[in-house]
PDB file of N, CA and C in Angstrom:
ATOM      1  N   UNK A   1       2.802  15.822  -1.151  1.00  0.00           N
ATOM      2  CA  UNK A   1       3.565  16.851  -1.818  1.00  0.00           C
ATOM      3  C   UNK A   1       2.645  17.824  -2.538  1.00  0.00           C
ATOM      4  N   UNK A   2       3.082  19.044  -2.634  1.00  0.00           N
ATOM      5  CA  UNK A   2       2.312  19.989  -3.438  1.00  0.00           C
ATOM      6  C   UNK A   2       2.293  19.530  -4.897  1.00  0.00           C
ATOM      7  N   UNK A   3       1.187  19.768  -5.575  1.00  0.00           N
ATOM      8  CA  UNK A   3       1.038  19.306  -6.964  1.00  0.00           C
ATOM      9  C   UNK A   3       2.159  19.811  -7.862  1.00  0.00           C
ATOM     10  N   UNK A   4       2.628  21.027  -7.622  1.00  0.00           N
ATOM     11  CA  UNK A   4       3.683  21.576  -8.482  1.00  0.00           C
ATOM     12  C   UNK A   4       5.031  20.871  -8.277  1.00  0.00           C
ATOM     13  N   UNK A   5       5.150  20.084  -7.221  1.00  0.00           N
ATOM     14  CA  UNK A   5       6.388  19.339  -6.953  1.00  0.00           C
ATOM     15  C   UNK A   5       6.322  17.894  -7.453  1.00  0.00           C
ATOM     16  N   UNK A   6       5.194  17.503  -8.029  1.00  0.00           N
ATOM     17  CA  UNK A   6       5.026  16.130  -8.523  1.00  0.00           C
ATOM     18  C   UNK A   6       5.329  16.117 -10.014  1.00  0.00           C
ATOM     19  N   UNK A   7       6.263  15.261 -10.418  1.00  0.00           N
ATOM     20  CA  UNK A   7       6.665  15.150 -11.818  1.00  0.00           C
ATOM     21  C   UNK A   7       5.868  14.011 -12.444  1.00  0.00           C
ATOM     22  N   UNK A   8       4.838  14.374 -13.199  1.00  0.00           N
ATOM     23  CA  UNK A   8       3.887  13.397 -13.752  1.00  0.00           C
ATOM     24  C   UNK A   8       4.545  12.286 -14.572  1.00  0.00           C
ATOM     25  N   UNK A   9       5.536  12.565 -15.431  1.00  0.00           N
ATOM     26  CA  UNK A   9       6.145  11.463 -16.186  1.00  0.00           C
ATOM     27  C   UNK A   9       6.788  10.400 -15.285  1.00  0.00           C
ATOM     28  N   UNK A  10       7.328  10.826 -14.156  1.00  0.00           N
ATOM     29  CA  UNK A  10       7.933   9.867 -13.226  1.00  0.00           C
ATOM     30  C   UNK A  10       6.852   8.999 -12.585  1.00  0.00           C
ATOM     31  N   UNK A  11       5.761   9.605 -12.186  1.00  0.00           N
ATOM     32  CA  UNK A  11       4.644   8.859 -11.607  1.00  0.00           C
ATOM     33  C   UNK A  11       4.103   7.861 -12.625  1.00  0.00           C
ATOM     34  N   UNK A  12       3.969   8.284 -13.876  1.00  0.00           N
ATOM     35  CA  UNK A  12       3.490   7.379 -14.930  1.00  0.00           C
ATOM     36  C   UNK A  12       4.445   6.206 -15.121  1.00  0.00           C
ATOM     37  N   UNK A  13       5.741   6.479 -15.102  1.00  0.00           N
ATOM     38  CA  UNK A  13       6.735   5.406 -15.248  1.00  0.00           C
ATOM     39  C   UNK A  13       6.626   4.407 -14.101  1.00  0.00           C
ATOM     40  N   UNK A  14       6.551   4.921 -12.887  1.00  0.00           N
ATOM     41  CA  UNK A  14       6.444   4.033 -11.728  1.00  0.00           C
ATOM     42  C   UNK A  14       5.145   3.233 -11.757  1.00  0.00           C
ATOM     43  N   UNK A  15       4.060   3.863 -12.171  1.00  0.00           N
ATOM     44  CA  UNK A  15       2.776   3.155 -12.267  1.00  0.00           C
ATOM     45  C   UNK A  15       2.851   2.033 -13.292  1.00  0.00           C
ATOM     46  N   UNK A  16       3.525   2.282 -14.415  1.00  0.00           N
ATOM     47  CA  UNK A  16       3.687   1.240 -15.436  1.00  0.00           C
ATOM     48  C   UNK A  16       4.541   0.090 -14.906  1.00  0.00           C
ATOM     49  N   UNK A  17       5.601   0.406 -14.184  1.00  0.00           N
ATOM     50  CA  UNK A  17       6.440  -0.643 -13.593  1.00  0.00           C
ATOM     51  C   UNK A  17       5.641  -1.472 -12.593  1.00  0.00           C
ATOM     52  N   UNK A  18       4.867  -0.797 -11.769  1.00  0.00           N
ATOM     53  CA  UNK A  18       4.055  -1.503 -10.786  1.00  0.00           C
ATOM     54  C   UNK A  18       3.027  -2.387 -11.473  1.00  0.00           C
ATOM     55  N   UNK A  19       2.388  -1.874 -12.516  1.00  0.00           N
ATOM     56  CA  UNK A  19       1.419  -2.676 -13.264  1.00  0.00           C
ATOM     57  C   UNK A  19       2.057  -3.928 -13.843  1.00  0.00           C
ATOM     58  N   UNK A  20       3.267  -3.808 -14.369  1.00  0.00           N
ATOM     59  CA  UNK A  20       3.977  -4.971 -14.900  1.00  0.00           C
ATOM     60  C   UNK A  20       4.291  -5.988 -13.820  1.00  0.00           C
ATOM     61  N   UNK A  21       4.723  -5.504 -12.670  1.00  0.00           N
ATOM     62  CA  UNK A  21       5.029  -6.412 -11.558  1.00  0.00           C
ATOM     63  C   UNK A  21       3.769  -7.109 -11.054  1.00  0.00           C
ATOM     64  N   UNK A  22       2.680  -6.364 -10.926  1.00  0.00           N
ATOM     65  CA  UNK A  22       1.424  -6.969 -10.475  1.00  0.00           C
ATOM     66  C   UNK A  22       0.938  -8.021 -11.469  1.00  0.00           C
ATOM     67  N   UNK A  23       1.066  -7.735 -12.757  1.00  0.00           N
ATOM     68  CA  UNK A  23       0.659  -8.707 -13.785  1.00  0.00           C
ATOM     69  C   UNK A  23       1.487  -9.979 -13.684  1.00  0.00           C
ATOM     70  N   UNK A  24       2.795  -9.824 -13.504  1.00  0.00           N
ATOM     71  CA  UNK A  24       3.671 -10.998 -13.392  1.00  0.00           C
ATOM     72  C   UNK A  24       3.322 -11.821 -12.155  1.00  0.00           C
ATOM     73  N   UNK A  25       3.113 -11.166 -11.031  1.00  0.00           N
ATOM     74  CA  UNK A  25       2.739 -11.885  -9.808  1.00  0.00           C
ATOM     75  C   UNK A  25       1.389 -12.571  -9.957  1.00  0.00           C
ATOM     76  N   UNK A  26       0.457 -11.908 -10.608  1.00  0.00           N
ATOM     77  CA  UNK A  26      -0.879 -12.474 -10.771  1.00  0.00           C
ATOM     78  C   UNK A  26      -0.857 -13.734 -11.636  1.00  0.00           C
ATOM     79  N   UNK A  27       0.117 -13.841 -12.511  1.00  0.00           N
ATOM     80  CA  UNK A  27       0.207 -14.999 -13.405  1.00  0.00           C
ATOM     81  C   UNK A  27       0.887 -16.205 -12.763  1.00  0.00           C
ATOM     82  N   UNK A  28       1.481 -16.029 -11.592  1.00  0.00           N
ATOM     83  CA  UNK A  28       2.109 -17.169 -10.913  1.00  0.00           C
ATOM     84  C   UNK A  28       1.044 -18.187 -10.541  1.00  0.00           C
ATOM     85  N   UNK A  29       1.382 -19.467 -10.601  1.00  0.00           N
ATOM     86  CA  UNK A  29       0.382 -20.481 -10.228  1.00  0.00           C
ATOM     87  C   UNK A  29      -0.011 -20.344  -8.759  1.00  0.00           C
ATOM     88  N   UNK A  30      -1.261 -20.564  -8.480  1.00  0.00           N
ATOM     89  CA  UNK A  30      -1.768 -20.529  -7.106  1.00  0.00           C
ATOM     90  C   UNK A  30      -1.761 -21.961  -6.584  1.00  0.00           C
ATOM     91  N   UNK A  31      -0.837 -22.267  -5.726  1.00  0.00           N
ATOM     92  CA  UNK A  31      -0.593 -23.673  -5.363  1.00  0.00           C
ATOM     93  C   UNK A  31      -0.650 -24.022  -3.877  1.00  0.00           C
ATOM     94  N   UNK A  32      -1.412 -23.610  -3.007  1.00  0.00           N
ATOM     95  CA  UNK A  32      -2.345 -22.481  -3.015  1.00  0.00           C
ATOM     96  C   UNK A  32      -1.647 -21.153  -2.750  1.00  0.00           C
ATOM     97  N   UNK A  33      -0.400 -21.187  -2.366  1.00  0.00           N
ATOM     98  CA  UNK A  33       0.356 -19.965  -2.093  1.00  0.00           C
ATOM     99  C   UNK A  33       1.267 -19.668  -3.276  1.00  0.00           C
ATOM    100  N   UNK A  34       1.887 -18.508  -3.289  1.00  0.00           N
ATOM    101  CA  UNK A  34       2.708 -18.105  -4.428  1.00  0.00           C
ATOM    102  C   UNK A  34       3.902 -19.033  -4.664  1.00  0.00           C
ATOM    103  N   UNK A  35       4.470 -19.571  -3.606  1.00  0.00           N
ATOM    104  CA  UNK A  35       5.679 -20.383  -3.756  1.00  0.00           C
ATOM    105  C   UNK A  35       5.474 -21.844  -3.372  1.00  0.00           C
ATOM    106  N   UNK A  36       4.245 -22.304  -3.322  1.00  0.00           N
ATOM    107  CA  UNK A  36       4.038 -23.712  -3.010  1.00  0.00           C
ATOM    108  C   UNK A  36       2.860 -23.958  -2.095  1.00  0.00           C
ATOM    109  N   UNK A  37       3.004 -24.975  -1.284  1.00  0.00           N
ATOM    110  CA  UNK A  37       1.898 -25.453  -0.455  1.00  0.00           C
ATOM    111  C   UNK A  37       1.803 -24.793   0.917  1.00  0.00           C
ATOM    112  N   UNK A  38       2.801 -23.991   1.281  1.00  0.00           N
ATOM    113  CA  UNK A  38       2.762 -23.373   2.608  1.00  0.00           C
ATOM    114  C   UNK A  38       2.926 -21.852   2.496  1.00  0.00           C
ATOM    115  N   UNK A  39       2.329 -21.174   3.430  1.00  0.00           N
ATOM    116  CA  UNK A  39       2.446 -19.727   3.530  1.00  0.00           C
ATOM    117  C   UNK A  39       3.915 -19.368   3.713  1.00  0.00           C
ATOM    118  N   UNK A  40       4.375 -18.352   2.991  1.00  0.00           N
ATOM    119  CA  UNK A  40       5.768 -17.924   3.121  1.00  0.00           C
ATOM    120  C   UNK A  40       5.842 -16.401   3.198  1.00  0.00           C
ATOM    121  N   UNK A  41       7.044 -15.915   3.406  1.00  0.00           N
ATOM    122  CA  UNK A  41       7.254 -14.469   3.446  1.00  0.00           C
ATOM    123  C   UNK A  41       6.829 -13.807   2.138  1.00  0.00           C
ATOM    124  N   UNK A  42       6.964 -14.525   1.031  1.00  0.00           N
ATOM    125  CA  UNK A  42       6.541 -13.988  -0.273  1.00  0.00           C
ATOM    126  C   UNK A  42       5.050 -13.640  -0.243  1.00  0.00           C
ATOM    127  N   UNK A  43       4.237 -14.529   0.309  1.00  0.00           N
ATOM    128  CA  UNK A  43       2.791 -14.298   0.387  1.00  0.00           C
ATOM    129  C   UNK A  43       2.470 -13.125   1.309  1.00  0.00           C
ATOM    130  N   UNK A  44       3.135 -13.089   2.443  1.00  0.00           N
ATOM    131  CA  UNK A  44       2.891 -12.031   3.424  1.00  0.00           C
ATOM    132  C   UNK A  44       3.259 -10.667   2.840  1.00  0.00           C
ATOM    133  N   UNK A  45       4.432 -10.590   2.227  1.00  0.00           N
ATOM    134  CA  UNK A  45       4.884  -9.330   1.638  1.00  0.00           C
ATOM    135  C   UNK A  45       3.972  -8.892   0.501  1.00  0.00           C
ATOM    136  N   UNK A  46       3.579  -9.838  -0.341  1.00  0.00           N
ATOM    137  CA  UNK A  46       2.698  -9.507  -1.467  1.00  0.00           C
ATOM    138  C   UNK A  46       1.340  -9.023  -0.968  1.00  0.00           C
ATOM    139  N   UNK A  47       0.769  -9.704   0.001  1.00  0.00           N
ATOM    140  CA  UNK A  47      -0.530  -9.290   0.542  1.00  0.00           C
ATOM    141  C   UNK A  47      -0.431  -7.918   1.212  1.00  0.00           C
ATOM    142  N   UNK A  48       0.663  -7.672   1.931  1.00  0.00           N
ATOM    143  CA  UNK A  48       0.848  -6.361   2.560  1.00  0.00           C
ATOM    144  C   UNK A  48       0.976  -5.268   1.501  1.00  0.00           C
ATOM    145  N   UNK A  49       1.673  -5.576   0.405  1.00  0.00           N
ATOM    146  CA  UNK A  49       1.818  -4.617  -0.687  1.00  0.00           C
ATOM    147  C   UNK A  49       0.457  -4.299  -1.311  1.00  0.00           C
ATOM    148  N   UNK A  50      -0.357  -5.325  -1.525  1.00  0.00           N
ATOM    149  CA  UNK A  50      -1.689  -5.114  -2.097  1.00  0.00           C
ATOM    150  C   UNK A  50      -2.516  -4.228  -1.159  1.00  0.00           C
ATOM    151  N   UNK A  51      -2.419  -4.479   0.136  1.00  0.00           N
ATOM    152  CA  UNK A  51      -3.126  -3.638   1.104  1.00  0.00           C
ATOM    153  C   UNK A  51      -2.678  -2.188   1.039  1.00  0.00           C
ATOM    154  N   UNK A  52      -1.378  -1.980   0.927  1.00  0.00           N
ATOM    155  CA  UNK A  52      -0.848  -0.619   0.837  1.00  0.00           C
ATOM    156  C   UNK A  52      -1.368   0.074  -0.421  1.00  0.00           C
ATOM    157  N   UNK A  53      -1.331  -0.638  -1.539  1.00  0.00           N
ATOM    158  CA  UNK A  53      -1.815  -0.055  -2.793  1.00  0.00           C
ATOM    159  C   UNK A  53      -3.297   0.291  -2.682  1.00  0.00           C
ATOM    160  N   UNK A  54      -4.078  -0.591  -2.063  1.00  0.00           N
ATOM    161  CA  UNK A  54      -5.513  -0.309  -1.907  1.00  0.00           C
ATOM    162  C   UNK A  54      -5.754   0.917  -1.038  1.00  0.00           C
ATOM    163  N   UNK A  55      -4.889   1.132  -0.052  1.00  0.00           N
ATOM    164  CA  UNK A  55      -5.049   2.300   0.815  1.00  0.00           C
ATOM    165  C   UNK A  55      -4.648   3.595   0.122  1.00  0.00           C
ATOM    166  N   UNK A  56      -3.497   3.586  -0.543  1.00  0.00           N
ATOM    167  CA  UNK A  56      -2.911   4.836  -1.002  1.00  0.00           C
ATOM    168  C   UNK A  56      -2.923   5.065  -2.514  1.00  0.00           C
ATOM    169  N   UNK A  57      -3.124   4.027  -3.309  1.00  0.00           N
ATOM    170  CA  UNK A  57      -3.158   4.161  -4.778  1.00  0.00           C
ATOM    171  C   UNK A  57      -4.268   3.286  -5.339  1.00  0.00           C
ATOM    172  N   UNK A  58      -5.498   3.410  -4.858  1.00  0.00           N
ATOM    173  CA  UNK A  58      -6.552   2.463  -5.232  1.00  0.00           C
ATOM    174  C   UNK A  58      -6.840   2.389  -6.728  1.00  0.00           C
ATOM    175  N   UNK A  59      -6.581   3.456  -7.455  1.00  0.00           N
ATOM    176  CA  UNK A  59      -6.852   3.430  -8.898  1.00  0.00           C
ATOM    177  C   UNK A  59      -6.009   2.376  -9.611  1.00  0.00           C
ATOM    178  N   UNK A  60      -4.869   2.017  -9.034  1.00  0.00           N
ATOM    179  CA  UNK A  60      -4.006   1.006  -9.652  1.00  0.00           C
ATOM    180  C   UNK A  60      -4.610  -0.386  -9.575  1.00  0.00           C
ATOM    181  N   UNK A  61      -5.613  -0.569  -8.720  1.00  0.00           N
ATOM    182  CA  UNK A  61      -6.238  -1.884  -8.561  1.00  0.00           C
ATOM    183  C   UNK A  61      -7.712  -1.857  -8.937  1.00  0.00           C
ATOM    184  N   UNK A  62      -8.125  -0.877  -9.720  1.00  0.00           N
ATOM    185  CA  UNK A  62      -9.526  -0.806 -10.141  1.00  0.00           C
ATOM    186  C   UNK A  62      -9.929  -2.061 -10.902  1.00  0.00           C
ATOM    187  N   UNK A  63     -11.162  -2.452 -10.724  1.00  0.00           N
ATOM    188  CA  UNK A  63     -11.678  -3.612 -11.449  1.00  0.00           C
ATOM    189  C   UNK A  63     -11.124  -4.916 -10.903  1.00  0.00           C
ATOM    190  N   UNK A  64     -11.154  -5.912 -11.744  1.00  0.00           N
ATOM    191  CA  UNK A  64     -10.696  -7.239 -11.326  1.00  0.00           C
ATOM    192  C   UNK A  64      -9.572  -7.721 -12.239  1.00  0.00           C
ATOM    193  N   UNK A  65      -8.603  -6.836 -12.486  1.00  0.00           N
ATOM    194  CA  UNK A  65      -7.533  -7.197 -13.402  1.00  0.00           C
ATOM    195  C   UNK A  65      -6.492  -8.124 -12.788  1.00  0.00           C
ATOM    196  N   UNK A  66      -6.468  -8.259 -11.485  1.00  0.00           N
ATOM    197  CA  UNK A  66      -5.510  -9.141 -10.811  1.00  0.00           C
ATOM    198  C   UNK A  66      -6.260 -10.099  -9.880  1.00  0.00           C
ATOM    199  N   UNK A  67      -7.059 -11.005 -10.418  1.00  0.00           N
ATOM    200  CA  UNK A  67      -7.905 -11.854  -9.566  1.00  0.00           C
ATOM    201  C   UNK A  67      -7.118 -12.763  -8.628  1.00  0.00           C
ATOM    202  N   UNK A  68      -5.976 -13.263  -9.062  1.00  0.00           N
ATOM    203  CA  UNK A  68      -5.201 -14.150  -8.191  1.00  0.00           C
ATOM    204  C   UNK A  68      -4.580 -13.391  -7.030  1.00  0.00           C
ATOM    205  N   UNK A  69      -4.115 -12.173  -7.291  1.00  0.00           N
ATOM    206  CA  UNK A  69      -3.566 -11.361  -6.203  1.00  0.00           C
ATOM    207  C   UNK A  69      -4.661 -10.949  -5.229  1.00  0.00           C
ATOM    208  N   UNK A  70      -5.822 -10.652  -5.758  1.00  0.00           N
ATOM    209  CA  UNK A  70      -6.953 -10.306  -4.883  1.00  0.00           C
ATOM    210  C   UNK A  70      -7.288 -11.492  -3.975  1.00  0.00           C
ATOM    211  N   UNK A  71      -7.339 -12.691  -4.550  1.00  0.00           N
ATOM    212  CA  UNK A  71      -7.645 -13.890  -3.756  1.00  0.00           C
ATOM    213  C   UNK A  71      -6.563 -14.134  -2.711  1.00  0.00           C
ATOM    214  N   UNK A  72      -5.304 -13.968  -3.098  1.00  0.00           N
ATOM    215  CA  UNK A  72      -4.205 -14.153  -2.145  1.00  0.00           C
ATOM    216  C   UNK A  72      -4.321 -13.152  -1.002  1.00  0.00           C
ATOM    217  N   UNK A  73      -4.546 -11.877  -1.344  1.00  0.00           N
ATOM    218  CA  UNK A  73      -4.654 -10.852  -0.308  1.00  0.00           C
ATOM    219  C   UNK A  73      -5.820 -11.140   0.630  1.00  0.00           C
ATOM    220  N   UNK A  74      -6.955 -11.537   0.077  1.00  0.00           N
ATOM    221  CA  UNK A  74      -8.115 -11.835   0.923  1.00  0.00           C
ATOM    222  C   UNK A  74      -7.845 -13.037   1.823  1.00  0.00           C
ATOM    223  N   UNK A  75      -7.154 -14.043   1.310  1.00  0.00           N
ATOM    224  CA  UNK A  75      -6.822 -15.216   2.124  1.00  0.00           C
ATOM    225  C   UNK A  75      -5.894 -14.817   3.263  1.00  0.00           C
ATOM    226  N   UNK A  76      -4.858 -14.046   2.942  1.00  0.00           N
ATOM    227  CA  UNK A  76      -3.923 -13.610   3.983  1.00  0.00           C
ATOM    228  C   UNK A  76      -4.614 -12.710   5.002  1.00  0.00           C
ATOM    229  N   UNK A  77      -5.447 -11.795   4.514  1.00  0.00           N
ATOM    230  CA  UNK A  77      -6.098 -10.847   5.410  1.00  0.00           C
ATOM    231  C   UNK A  77      -7.133 -11.502   6.314  1.00  0.00           C
ATOM    232  N   UNK A  78      -7.508 -12.734   6.021  1.00  0.00           N
ATOM    233  CA  UNK A  78      -8.410 -13.474   6.906  1.00  0.00           C
ATOM    234  C   UNK A  78      -7.646 -14.111   8.064  1.00  0.00           C
ATOM    235  N   UNK A  79      -6.326 -14.139   7.971  1.00  0.00           N
ATOM    236  CA  UNK A  79      -5.513 -14.730   9.037  1.00  0.00           C
ATOM    237  C   UNK A  79      -5.526 -13.819  10.266  1.00  0.00           C
ATOM    238  N   UNK A  80      -5.547 -14.401  11.467  1.00  0.00           N
ATOM    239  CA  UNK A  80      -5.577 -13.586  12.682  1.00  0.00           C
ATOM    240  C   UNK A  80      -4.441 -12.561  12.763  1.00  0.00           C
ATOM    241  N   UNK A  81      -3.255 -12.920  12.314  1.00  0.00           N
ATOM    242  CA  UNK A  81      -2.129 -11.981  12.385  1.00  0.00           C
ATOM    243  C   UNK A  81      -2.368 -10.748  11.520  1.00  0.00           C
ATOM    244  N   UNK A  82      -2.975 -10.926  10.367  1.00  0.00           N
ATOM    245  CA  UNK A  82      -3.297  -9.780   9.512  1.00  0.00           C
ATOM    246  C   UNK A  82      -4.415  -8.959  10.139  1.00  0.00           C
ATOM    247  N   UNK A  83      -5.435  -9.613  10.659  1.00  0.00           N
ATOM    248  CA  UNK A  83      -6.562  -8.898  11.250  1.00  0.00           C
ATOM    249  C   UNK A  83      -6.121  -8.051  12.439  1.00  0.00           C
ATOM    250  N   UNK A  84      -5.106  -8.516  13.150  1.00  0.00           N
ATOM    251  CA  UNK A  84      -4.604  -7.771  14.304  1.00  0.00           C
ATOM    252  C   UNK A  84      -3.861  -6.499  13.892  1.00  0.00           C
ATOM    253  N   UNK A  85      -3.524  -6.385  12.613  1.00  0.00           N
ATOM    254  CA  UNK A  85      -2.724  -5.251  12.139  1.00  0.00           C
ATOM    255  C   UNK A  85      -3.499  -4.243  11.297  1.00  0.00           C
ATOM    256  N   UNK A  86      -4.812  -4.376  11.217  1.00  0.00           N
ATOM    257  CA  UNK A  86      -5.595  -3.399  10.453  1.00  0.00           C
ATOM    258  C   UNK A  86      -5.467  -2.050  11.161  1.00  0.00           C
ATOM    259  N   UNK A  87      -5.029  -1.020  10.436  1.00  0.00           N
ATOM    260  CA  UNK A  87      -4.850   0.276  11.089  1.00  0.00           C
ATOM    261  C   UNK A  87      -6.184   0.903  11.474  1.00  0.00           C
ATOM    262  N   UNK A  88      -6.145   1.705  12.502  1.00  0.00           N
ATOM    263  CA  UNK A  88      -7.342   2.456  12.878  1.00  0.00           C
ATOM    264  C   UNK A  88      -7.456   3.657  11.946  1.00  0.00           C
ATOM    265  N   UNK A  89      -8.655   4.211  11.806  1.00  0.00           N
ATOM    266  CA  UNK A  89      -8.797   5.398  10.951  1.00  0.00           C
ATOM    267  C   UNK A  89      -7.853   6.534  11.350  1.00  0.00           C
ATOM    268  N   UNK A  90      -7.619   6.701  12.642  1.00  0.00           N
ATOM    269  CA  UNK A  90      -6.738   7.770  13.117  1.00  0.00           C
ATOM    270  C   UNK A  90      -5.306   7.582  12.624  1.00  0.00           C
ATOM    271  N   UNK A  91      -4.896   6.326  12.406  1.00  0.00           N
ATOM    272  CA  UNK A  91      -3.547   6.062  11.914  1.00  0.00           C
ATOM    273  C   UNK A  91      -3.411   6.351  10.422  1.00  0.00           C
ATOM    274  N   UNK A  92      -4.526   6.479   9.735  1.00  0.00           N
ATOM    275  CA  UNK A  92      -4.490   6.699   8.291  1.00  0.00           C
ATOM    276  C   UNK A  92      -4.548   8.184   7.956  1.00  0.00           C
ATOM    277  N   UNK A  93      -5.484   8.894   8.585  1.00  0.00           N
ATOM    278  CA  UNK A  93      -5.655  10.311   8.255  1.00  0.00           C
ATOM    279  C   UNK A  93      -6.484  11.004   9.326  1.00  0.00           C
ATOM    280  N   UNK A  94      -6.218  12.291   9.505  1.00  0.00           N
ATOM    281  CA  UNK A  94      -7.040  13.092  10.415  1.00  0.00           C
ATOM    282  C   UNK A  94      -8.398  13.389   9.787  1.00  0.00           C
ATOM    283  N   UNK A  95      -8.482  13.252   8.481  1.00  0.00           N
ATOM    284  CA  UNK A  95      -9.734  13.450   7.746  1.00  0.00           C
ATOM    285  C   UNK A  95     -10.575  12.181   7.900  1.00  0.00           C
ATOM    286  N   UNK A  96     -11.617  12.247   8.710  1.00  0.00           N
ATOM    287  CA  UNK A  96     -12.430  11.073   9.027  1.00  0.00           C
ATOM    288  C   UNK A  96     -13.027  10.423   7.792  1.00  0.00           C
ATOM    289  N   UNK A  97     -13.537  11.219   6.869  1.00  0.00           N
ATOM    290  CA  UNK A  97     -14.146  10.667   5.659  1.00  0.00           C
ATOM    291  C   UNK A  97     -13.109   9.928   4.813  1.00  0.00           C
ATOM    292  N   UNK A  98     -11.943  10.521   4.652  1.00  0.00           N
ATOM    293  CA  UNK A  98     -10.860   9.891   3.895  1.00  0.00           C
ATOM    294  C   UNK A  98     -10.418   8.595   4.569  1.00  0.00           C
ATOM    295  N   UNK A  99     -10.261   8.628   5.876  1.00  0.00           N
ATOM    296  CA  UNK A  99      -9.827   7.445   6.613  1.00  0.00           C
ATOM    297  C   UNK A  99     -10.855   6.327   6.538  1.00  0.00           C
ATOM    298  N   UNK A 100     -12.124   6.658   6.668  1.00  0.00           N
ATOM    299  CA  UNK A 100     -13.184   5.650   6.590  1.00  0.00           C
ATOM    300  C   UNK A 100     -13.216   5.011   5.212  1.00  0.00           C
ATOM    301  N   UNK A 101     -13.082   5.816   4.186  1.00  0.00           N
ATOM    302  CA  UNK A 101     -13.047   5.300   2.815  1.00  0.00           C
ATOM    303  C   UNK A 101     -11.853   4.368   2.621  1.00  0.00           C
ATOM    304  N   UNK A 102     -10.709   4.742   3.159  1.00  0.00           N
ATOM    305  CA  UNK A 102      -9.508   3.912   3.038  1.00  0.00           C
ATOM    306  C   UNK A 102      -9.682   2.581   3.763  1.00  0.00           C
ATOM    307  N   UNK A 103     -10.256   2.608   4.947  1.00  0.00           N
ATOM    308  CA  UNK A 103     -10.486   1.366   5.698  1.00  0.00           C
ATOM    309  C   UNK A 103     -11.430   0.456   4.923  1.00  0.00           C
ATOM    310  N   UNK A 104     -12.461   1.015   4.316  1.00  0.00           N
ATOM    311  CA  UNK A 104     -13.385   0.195   3.519  1.00  0.00           C
ATOM    312  C   UNK A 104     -12.657  -0.478   2.364  1.00  0.00           C
ATOM    313  N   UNK A 105     -11.759   0.255   1.707  1.00  0.00           N
ATOM    314  CA  UNK A 105     -10.975  -0.351   0.619  1.00  0.00           C
ATOM    315  C   UNK A 105     -10.090  -1.459   1.165  1.00  0.00           C
ATOM    316  N   UNK A 106      -9.487  -1.201   2.299  1.00  0.00           N
ATOM    317  CA  UNK A 106      -8.586  -2.182   2.896  1.00  0.00           C
ATOM    318  C   UNK A 106      -9.327  -3.455   3.264  1.00  0.00           C
ATOM    319  N   UNK A 107     -10.576  -3.323   3.668  1.00  0.00           N
ATOM    320  CA  UNK A 107     -11.368  -4.484   4.083  1.00  0.00           C
ATOM    321  C   UNK A 107     -12.208  -5.046   2.942  1.00  0.00           C
ATOM    322  N   UNK A 108     -11.921  -4.625   1.709  1.00  0.00           N
ATOM    323  CA  UNK A 108     -12.632  -5.104   0.511  1.00  0.00           C
ATOM    324  C   UNK A 108     -14.126  -4.823   0.603  1.00  0.00           C
ATOM    325  N   UNK A 109     -14.498  -3.730   1.263  1.00  0.00           N
ATOM    326  CA  UNK A 109     -15.920  -3.389   1.414  1.00  0.00           C
ATOM    327  C   UNK A 109     -16.404  -2.564   0.254  1.00  0.00           C
TER     328      UNK A 109
END
């Protein structure tokens, strides 16, 4: 969107809500998965969400403020099914530099 069409207070509100949700998820016990001893849809959805945030809103995940979510995402992303779904740079952006940077974030590089 053009910058003049972005309402900053709304973005700030959504960012605060997302931060609260990420904090709550990060505090869940790692057993080793979010809901127990076996991989579930909760883990898959959460890991996919973390990947999306790393691609499109990386500032929300700066530093190591969510270590358990980072570990969960890395564990899920090591699974063959996740590896088969890593987007190509062309699927992310026509801007090669932007796409390469996004892929590096997605791969925790």
